[in-house]
Amino acid sequence: MVFSSARDDLPPNLFTKAVTGGRGEERLLTSSMVQHPTDWSRDGRFVVFAMLDPKTQWDLWRIPMTPDSATGERTPAPLLRTPFNEHNGRLSPDGRWITYESDESGEWEIYLREIAASADGVRRQLSTDGGVWPVWRRDGGELFYIAADGTLMAVTVKPGSNLEVSEPRALFKTRNDELWQRLRTYDVVRDGQRFLIHTRLDEDGSPPITVVINWPAALRR
């Protein structure tokens, strides 16, 4: 797994750790800029992460998970680096597309583009009324995101030679009060039929407790 952690008097930087085998944690980057991991390529070759640059704000980068054979180092490279914020980059299952959130319009919206595209390459804005936290369905045929009002939205995607995307459709309203956070707080199972969502519970939502006095007498009756 890959995660970010603030250590050695530095802001959150990227680390990796094997889930099994007992191998210790390994630092991937040493930087004065905050980093958030957002995805791992299906083939395991690289990790996508967001990095907060004082000049260009949040940008999307990639870092190889295999060190260079000559230098023994991992050299990150930018994926999206503009004057606007880009965050929560998520790779399509085939590795060709990346979806992400950006505030280039003045509001956070969800965009989709070819990962290897030039500035004038294929790109689509998927959300129409604000959006954060894009997530792919496992087969790449559908994308989910949270709209500005907290509604979970879905967009059908047909990546082919001519990219086809549907209009966003509302699935259900969430009670997630953390949309301002840059880190995603929900996920979807591989077939897109169930969701795990960090949600707010109403203070009066707990069922009342009923205490029955002298219940053995009631049983005899």
C-alpha atoms as a PDB file:
ATOM      1  CA  MET A   1       0.000   0.000   0.000  1.00  0.00           C
ATOM      2  CA  VAL A   2       1.027   3.624  -0.424  1.00  0.00           C
ATOM      3  CA  PHE A   3       0.213   6.421   2.014  1.00  0.00           C
ATOM      4  CA  SER A   4       1.338   9.892   3.068  1.00  0.00           C
ATOM      5  CA  SER A   5       2.812  10.749   6.449  1.00  0.00           C
ATOM      6  CA  ALA A   6       4.404  13.850   8.020  1.00  0.00           C
ATOM      7  CA  ARG A   7       7.828  12.892   9.368  1.00  0.00           C
ATOM      8  CA  ASP A   8      11.343  14.258   9.824  1.00  0.00           C
ATOM      9  CA  ASP A   9      10.048  17.840  10.092  1.00  0.00           C
ATOM     10  CA  LEU A  10       8.521  17.557   6.610  1.00  0.00           C
ATOM     11  CA  PRO A  11       4.867  17.785   5.516  1.00  0.00           C
ATOM     12  CA  PRO A  12       3.049  14.593   4.419  1.00  0.00           C
ATOM     13  CA  ASN A  13       5.266  12.726   1.931  1.00  0.00           C
ATOM     14  CA  LEU A  14       4.703   9.403   0.159  1.00  0.00           C
ATOM     15  CA  PHE A  15       5.606   6.083   1.775  1.00  0.00           C
ATOM     16  CA  THR A  16       4.989   2.474   0.771  1.00  0.00           C
ATOM     17  CA  LYS A  17       4.648  -0.676   2.850  1.00  0.00           C
ATOM     18  CA  ALA A  18       3.986  -4.300   1.963  1.00  0.00           C
ATOM     19  CA  VAL A  19       0.721  -5.612   3.399  1.00  0.00           C
ATOM     20  CA  THR A  20       2.285  -9.025   4.012  1.00  0.00           C
ATOM     21  CA  GLY A  21       5.812 -10.257   4.564  1.00  0.00           C
ATOM     22  CA  GLY A  22       6.836  -7.951   7.380  1.00  0.00           C
ATOM     23  CA  ARG A  23       8.855  -5.577   5.204  1.00  0.00           C
ATOM     24  CA  GLY A  24       9.206  -2.130   6.757  1.00  0.00           C
ATOM     25  CA  GLU A  25       8.006   1.178   5.390  1.00  0.00           C
ATOM     26  CA  GLU A  26       9.926   2.841   2.579  1.00  0.00           C
ATOM     27  CA  ARG A  27       9.966   6.554   1.802  1.00  0.00           C
ATOM     28  CA  LEU A  28       9.208   7.312  -1.848  1.00  0.00           C
ATOM     29  CA  LEU A  29       9.825  11.066  -1.848  1.00  0.00           C
ATOM     30  CA  THR A  30      11.578  13.644   0.299  1.00  0.00           C
ATOM     31  CA  SER A  31      10.005  17.012  -0.381  1.00  0.00           C
ATOM     32  CA  SER A  32       8.865  20.193   1.336  1.00  0.00           C
ATOM     33  CA  MET A  33       5.565  19.971  -0.559  1.00  0.00           C
ATOM     34  CA  VAL A  34       2.473  18.094   0.662  1.00  0.00           C
ATOM     35  CA  GLN A  35       1.653  14.905  -1.267  1.00  0.00           C
ATOM     36  CA  HIS A  36      -1.555  12.830  -1.350  1.00  0.00           C
ATOM     37  CA  PRO A  37      -1.587   9.431  -3.119  1.00  0.00           C
ATOM     38  CA  THR A  38      -4.751   9.063  -5.199  1.00  0.00           C
ATOM     39  CA  ASP A  39      -4.345   5.890  -7.310  1.00  0.00           C
ATOM     40  CA  TRP A  40      -2.089   2.995  -8.271  1.00  0.00           C
ATOM     41  CA  SER A  41      -1.879   1.763 -11.867  1.00  0.00           C
ATOM     42  CA  ARG A  42      -3.446  -1.667 -12.460  1.00  0.00           C
ATOM     43  CA  ASP A  43      -0.090  -3.082 -13.607  1.00  0.00           C
ATOM     44  CA  GLY A  44       1.625  -1.759 -10.470  1.00  0.00           C
ATOM     45  CA  ARG A  45       4.161   0.288 -12.407  1.00  0.00           C
ATOM     46  CA  PHE A  46       3.412   3.726 -10.972  1.00  0.00           C
ATOM     47  CA  VAL A  47       1.417   5.655  -8.389  1.00  0.00           C
ATOM     48  CA  VAL A  48      -0.597   8.794  -9.109  1.00  0.00           C
ATOM     49  CA  PHE A  49      -0.449  11.482  -6.458  1.00  0.00           C
ATOM     50  CA  ALA A  50      -1.416  15.115  -5.903  1.00  0.00           C
ATOM     51  CA  MET A  51       1.279  17.559  -4.800  1.00  0.00           C
ATOM     52  CA  LEU A  52       0.728  21.067  -3.453  1.00  0.00           C
ATOM     53  CA  ASP A  53       3.072  23.473  -5.219  1.00  0.00           C
ATOM     54  CA  PRO A  54       3.186  27.089  -3.933  1.00  0.00           C
ATOM     55  CA  LYS A  55       3.338  28.298  -7.557  1.00  0.00           C
ATOM     56  CA  THR A  56       0.784  26.080  -9.320  1.00  0.00           C
ATOM     57  CA  GLN A  57      -1.339  24.848  -6.371  1.00  0.00           C
ATOM     58  CA  TRP A  58      -2.453  21.178  -6.453  1.00  0.00           C
ATOM     59  CA  ASP A  59      -0.996  19.265  -9.407  1.00  0.00           C
ATOM     60  CA  LEU A  60      -1.164  15.606 -10.449  1.00  0.00           C
ATOM     61  CA  TRP A  61       2.067  13.617 -10.673  1.00  0.00           C
ATOM     62  CA  ARG A  62       3.142  10.039 -11.234  1.00  0.00           C
ATOM     63  CA  ILE A  63       6.039   8.193  -9.626  1.00  0.00           C
ATOM     64  CA  PRO A  64       7.438   4.815 -10.797  1.00  0.00           C
ATOM     65  CA  MET A  65       7.393   2.051  -8.214  1.00  0.00           C
ATOM     66  CA  THR A  66      10.573   0.433  -9.594  1.00  0.00           C
ATOM     67  CA  PRO A  67      13.747   2.474  -9.021  1.00  0.00           C
ATOM     68  CA  ASP A  68      15.852   3.422 -12.026  1.00  0.00           C
ATOM     69  CA  SER A  69      18.442   0.721 -12.689  1.00  0.00           C
ATOM     70  CA  ALA A  70      21.223   3.294 -13.131  1.00  0.00           C
ATOM     71  CA  THR A  71      20.529   5.748 -10.318  1.00  0.00           C
ATOM     72  CA  GLY A  72      18.508   3.580  -7.934  1.00  0.00           C
ATOM     73  CA  GLU A  73      16.025   6.432  -7.538  1.00  0.00           C
ATOM     74  CA  ARG A  74      12.381   7.014  -8.419  1.00  0.00           C
ATOM     75  CA  THR A  75      11.913  10.196 -10.435  1.00  0.00           C
ATOM     76  CA  PRO A  76       8.373  11.670 -10.398  1.00  0.00           C
ATOM     77  CA  ALA A  77       6.903  13.279 -13.512  1.00  0.00           C
ATOM     78  CA  PRO A  78       3.947  15.680 -13.829  1.00  0.00           C
ATOM     79  CA  LEU A  79       0.652  14.459 -15.309  1.00  0.00           C
ATOM     80  CA  LEU A  80      -1.320  17.691 -14.976  1.00  0.00           C
ATOM     81  CA  ARG A  81       0.371  20.897 -13.933  1.00  0.00           C
ATOM     82  CA  THR A  82      -1.619  24.064 -14.586  1.00  0.00           C
ATOM     83  CA  PRO A  83      -2.341  27.383 -12.823  1.00  0.00           C
ATOM     84  CA  PHE A  84      -5.489  25.704 -11.410  1.00  0.00           C
ATOM     85  CA  ASN A  85      -5.973  22.998  -8.804  1.00  0.00           C
ATOM     86  CA  GLU A  86      -6.087  19.353  -9.932  1.00  0.00           C
ATOM     87  CA  HIS A  87      -6.626  16.604  -7.392  1.00  0.00           C
ATOM     88  CA  ASN A  88      -7.933  13.052  -6.869  1.00  0.00           C
ATOM     89  CA  GLY A  89      -6.634  11.656 -10.147  1.00  0.00           C
ATOM     90  CA  ARG A  90      -8.046   8.171 -10.830  1.00  0.00           C
ATOM     91  CA  LEU A  91      -6.859   5.903 -13.646  1.00  0.00           C
ATOM     92  CA  SER A  92      -9.244   3.944 -15.849  1.00  0.00           C
ATOM     93  CA  PRO A  93      -8.852   0.150 -15.578  1.00  0.00           C
ATOM     94  CA  ASP A  94      -7.174   0.030 -19.019  1.00  0.00           C
ATOM     95  CA  GLY A  95      -4.723   2.776 -17.984  1.00  0.00           C
ATOM     96  CA  ARG A  96      -5.560   5.005 -20.939  1.00  0.00           C
ATOM     97  CA  TRP A  97      -7.721   7.612 -19.204  1.00  0.00           C
ATOM     98  CA  ILE A  98      -7.518   9.649 -16.043  1.00  0.00           C
ATOM     99  CA  THR A  99     -10.406  11.348 -14.300  1.00  0.00           C
ATOM    100  CA  TYR A 100      -9.803  14.103 -11.795  1.00  0.00           C
ATOM    101  CA  GLU A 101     -11.292  17.166 -10.127  1.00  0.00           C
ATOM    102  CA  SER A 102     -10.274  20.699 -11.099  1.00  0.00           C
ATOM    103  CA  ASP A 103     -11.382  24.218 -10.200  1.00  0.00           C
ATOM    104  CA  GLU A 104     -10.447  25.776 -13.548  1.00  0.00           C
ATOM    105  CA  SER A 105     -14.074  26.906 -14.079  1.00  0.00           C
ATOM    106  CA  GLY A 106     -14.179  28.580 -10.670  1.00  0.00           C
ATOM    107  CA  GLU A 107     -15.916  25.566  -9.099  1.00  0.00           C
ATOM    108  CA  TRP A 108     -14.694  22.027  -8.481  1.00  0.00           C
ATOM    109  CA  GLU A 109     -15.808  19.881 -11.425  1.00  0.00           C
ATOM    110  CA  ILE A 110     -14.951  16.376 -12.690  1.00  0.00           C
ATOM    111  CA  TYR A 111     -12.957  15.993 -15.912  1.00  0.00           C
ATOM    112  CA  LEU A 112     -11.808  13.041 -18.021  1.00  0.00           C
ATOM    113  CA  ARG A 113      -8.830  13.006 -20.384  1.00  0.00           C
ATOM    114  CA  GLU A 114      -6.335  10.703 -22.027  1.00  0.00           C
ATOM    115  CA  ILE A 115      -3.424  10.182 -19.695  1.00  0.00           C
ATOM    116  CA  ALA A 116      -0.889  10.613 -22.509  1.00  0.00           C
ATOM    117  CA  ALA A 117      -2.722  13.472 -24.252  1.00  0.00           C
ATOM    118  CA  SER A 118      -1.158  16.788 -25.136  1.00  0.00           C
ATOM    119  CA  ALA A 119      -2.802  20.051 -24.126  1.00  0.00           C
ATOM    120  CA  ASP A 120      -5.209  19.794 -27.080  1.00  0.00           C
ATOM    121  CA  GLY A 121      -5.970  16.078 -26.593  1.00  0.00           C
ATOM    122  CA  VAL A 122      -9.333  14.476 -25.917  1.00  0.00           C
ATOM    123  CA  ARG A 123     -10.903  15.836 -22.739  1.00  0.00           C
ATOM    124  CA  ARG A 124     -14.433  16.010 -21.336  1.00  0.00           C
ATOM    125  CA  GLN A 125     -16.059  17.728 -18.391  1.00  0.00           C
ATOM    126  CA  LEU A 126     -18.276  15.091 -16.796  1.00  0.00           C
ATOM    127  CA  SER A 127     -20.007  16.962 -13.974  1.00  0.00           C
ATOM    128  CA  THR A 128     -22.469  19.766 -14.660  1.00  0.00           C
ATOM    129  CA  ASP A 129     -23.155  21.227 -11.225  1.00  0.00           C
ATOM    130  CA  GLY A 130     -19.981  20.733  -9.234  1.00  0.00           C
ATOM    131  CA  GLY A 131     -18.241  17.493  -8.331  1.00  0.00           C
ATOM    132  CA  VAL A 132     -15.475  15.879  -6.290  1.00  0.00           C
ATOM    133  CA  TRP A 133     -13.977  12.434  -5.678  1.00  0.00           C
ATOM    134  CA  PRO A 134     -14.308  10.511  -8.971  1.00  0.00           C
ATOM    135  CA  VAL A 135     -14.222   6.691  -8.795  1.00  0.00           C
ATOM    136  CA  TRP A 136     -14.265   4.161 -11.661  1.00  0.00           C
ATOM    137  CA  ARG A 137     -16.352   1.044 -11.775  1.00  0.00           C
ATOM    138  CA  ARG A 138     -14.058  -1.949 -12.049  1.00  0.00           C
ATOM    139  CA  ASP A 139     -14.768  -2.581 -15.752  1.00  0.00           C
ATOM    140  CA  GLY A 140     -14.305   1.084 -16.709  1.00  0.00           C
ATOM    141  CA  GLY A 141     -17.847   1.458 -18.031  1.00  0.00           C
ATOM    142  CA  GLU A 142     -19.065   3.852 -15.364  1.00  0.00           C
ATOM    143  CA  LEU A 143     -17.770   6.706 -13.228  1.00  0.00           C
ATOM    144  CA  PHE A 144     -19.111   7.953  -9.912  1.00  0.00           C
ATOM    145  CA  TYR A 145     -18.614  11.247  -8.102  1.00  0.00           C
ATOM    146  CA  ILE A 146     -20.200  13.392  -5.394  1.00  0.00           C
ATOM    147  CA  ALA A 147     -22.003  16.536  -6.565  1.00  0.00           C
ATOM    148  CA  ALA A 148     -21.791  19.849  -4.732  1.00  0.00           C
ATOM    149  CA  ASP A 149     -25.058  19.154  -2.888  1.00  0.00           C
ATOM    150  CA  GLY A 150     -23.810  15.755  -1.655  1.00  0.00           C
ATOM    151  CA  THR A 151     -25.659  13.630  -4.254  1.00  0.00           C
ATOM    152  CA  LEU A 152     -23.850  10.556  -5.525  1.00  0.00           C
ATOM    153  CA  MET A 153     -23.800  10.795  -9.325  1.00  0.00           C
ATOM    154  CA  ALA A 154     -23.029   8.268 -12.083  1.00  0.00           C
ATOM    155  CA  VAL A 155     -21.792   8.755 -15.658  1.00  0.00           C
ATOM    156  CA  THR A 156     -21.690   5.988 -18.276  1.00  0.00           C
ATOM    157  CA  VAL A 157     -18.399   5.917 -20.202  1.00  0.00           C
ATOM    158  CA  LYS A 158     -17.609   4.252 -23.540  1.00  0.00           C
ATOM    159  CA  PRO A 159     -13.882   4.930 -23.971  1.00  0.00           C
ATOM    160  CA  GLY A 160     -13.453   3.556 -27.591  1.00  0.00           C
ATOM    161  CA  SER A 161     -11.817   5.537 -30.387  1.00  0.00           C
ATOM    162  CA  ASN A 162     -14.546   8.169 -30.023  1.00  0.00           C
ATOM    163  CA  LEU A 163     -15.058   8.851 -26.341  1.00  0.00           C
ATOM    164  CA  GLU A 164     -18.745   8.696 -25.404  1.00  0.00           C
ATOM    165  CA  VAL A 165     -20.043   9.836 -22.020  1.00  0.00           C
ATOM    166  CA  SER A 166     -23.609  10.107 -20.796  1.00  0.00           C
ATOM    167  CA  GLU A 167     -25.227  12.941 -18.917  1.00  0.00           C
ATOM    168  CA  PRO A 168     -24.728  12.602 -15.148  1.00  0.00           C
ATOM    169  CA  ARG A 169     -27.592  10.891 -13.355  1.00  0.00           C
ATOM    170  CA  ALA A 170     -28.367  11.100  -9.666  1.00  0.00           C
ATOM    171  CA  LEU A 171     -28.256   7.871  -7.653  1.00  0.00           C
ATOM    172  CA  PHE A 172     -29.001   9.004  -4.103  1.00  0.00           C
ATOM    173  CA  LYS A 173     -28.317  11.813  -1.656  1.00  0.00           C
ATOM    174  CA  THR A 174     -25.509  11.242   0.832  1.00  0.00           C
ATOM    175  CA  ARG A 175     -25.077  12.883   4.209  1.00  0.00           C
ATOM    176  CA  ASN A 176     -21.393  13.560   3.793  1.00  0.00           C
ATOM    177  CA  ASP A 177     -20.356  16.901   5.301  1.00  0.00           C
ATOM    178  CA  GLU A 178     -16.711  16.633   4.247  1.00  0.00           C
ATOM    179  CA  LEU A 179     -16.841  17.712   0.595  1.00  0.00           C
ATOM    180  CA  TRP A 180     -14.388  20.509   1.329  1.00  0.00           C
ATOM    181  CA  GLN A 181     -11.703  17.949   2.109  1.00  0.00           C
ATOM    182  CA  ARG A 182      -9.380  16.936  -0.695  1.00  0.00           C
ATOM    183  CA  LEU A 183      -9.258  13.302   0.447  1.00  0.00           C
ATOM    184  CA  ARG A 184     -12.011  10.969  -0.768  1.00  0.00           C
ATOM    185  CA  THR A 185     -14.284   9.457   1.901  1.00  0.00           C
ATOM    186  CA  TYR A 186     -16.233   6.840  -0.075  1.00  0.00           C
ATOM    187  CA  ASP A 187     -15.645   3.861  -2.344  1.00  0.00           C
ATOM    188  CA  VAL A 188     -17.584   1.494  -4.593  1.00  0.00           C
ATOM    189  CA  VAL A 189     -17.493  -2.291  -4.993  1.00  0.00           C
ATOM    190  CA  ARG A 190     -16.235  -3.636  -8.299  1.00  0.00           C
ATOM    191  CA  ASP A 191     -19.669  -4.071  -9.954  1.00  0.00           C
ATOM    192  CA  GLY A 192     -20.864  -0.596  -8.929  1.00  0.00           C
ATOM    193  CA  GLN A 193     -23.875  -1.874  -6.991  1.00  0.00           C
ATOM    194  CA  ARG A 194     -22.836  -1.029  -3.408  1.00  0.00           C
ATOM    195  CA  PHE A 195     -21.038   1.873  -1.777  1.00  0.00           C
ATOM    196  CA  LEU A 196     -19.131   2.443   1.431  1.00  0.00           C
ATOM    197  CA  ILE A 197     -19.588   6.074   2.488  1.00  0.00           C
ATOM    198  CA  HIS A 198     -18.365   8.023   5.474  1.00  0.00           C
ATOM    199  CA  THR A 199     -21.596   9.671   6.596  1.00  0.00           C
ATOM    200  CA  ARG A 200     -23.099  11.792   9.328  1.00  0.00           C
ATOM    201  CA  LEU A 201     -25.620  10.278  11.723  1.00  0.00           C
ATOM    202  CA  ASP A 202     -28.402  12.371  13.195  1.00  0.00           C
ATOM    203  CA  GLU A 203     -27.996  12.990  16.911  1.00  0.00           C
ATOM    204  CA  ASP A 204     -31.528  11.727  17.562  1.00  0.00           C
ATOM    205  CA  GLY A 205     -31.185   8.782  15.185  1.00  0.00           C
ATOM    206  CA  SER A 206     -30.580   6.164  17.870  1.00  0.00           C
ATOM    207  CA  PRO A 207     -33.629   4.025  18.755  1.00  0.00           C
ATOM    208  CA  PRO A 208     -35.131   4.702  22.201  1.00  0.00           C
ATOM    209  CA  ILE A 209     -34.400   2.352  25.087  1.00  0.00           C
ATOM    210  CA  THR A 210     -37.470   0.787  26.750  1.00  0.00           C
ATOM    211  CA  VAL A 211     -37.135  -0.485  30.316  1.00  0.00           C
ATOM    212  CA  VAL A 212     -39.797  -2.969  31.483  1.00  0.00           C
ATOM    213  CA  ILE A 213     -40.289  -3.113  35.261  1.00  0.00           C
ATOM    214  CA  ASN A 214     -41.503  -6.295  37.029  1.00  0.00           C
ATOM    215  CA  TRP A 215     -41.456  -8.262  33.771  1.00  0.00           C
ATOM    216  CA  PRO A 216     -41.703 -11.743  35.500  1.00  0.00           C
ATOM    217  CA  ALA A 217     -45.190 -10.792  36.713  1.00  0.00           C
ATOM    218  CA  ALA A 218     -46.188  -9.963  33.151  1.00  0.00           C
ATOM    219  CA  LEU A 219     -45.018 -13.379  31.988  1.00  0.00           C
ATOM    220  CA  ARG A 220     -47.260 -15.151  34.561  1.00  0.00           C
ATOM    221  CA  ARG A 221     -50.287 -13.308  33.239  1.00  0.00           C
END
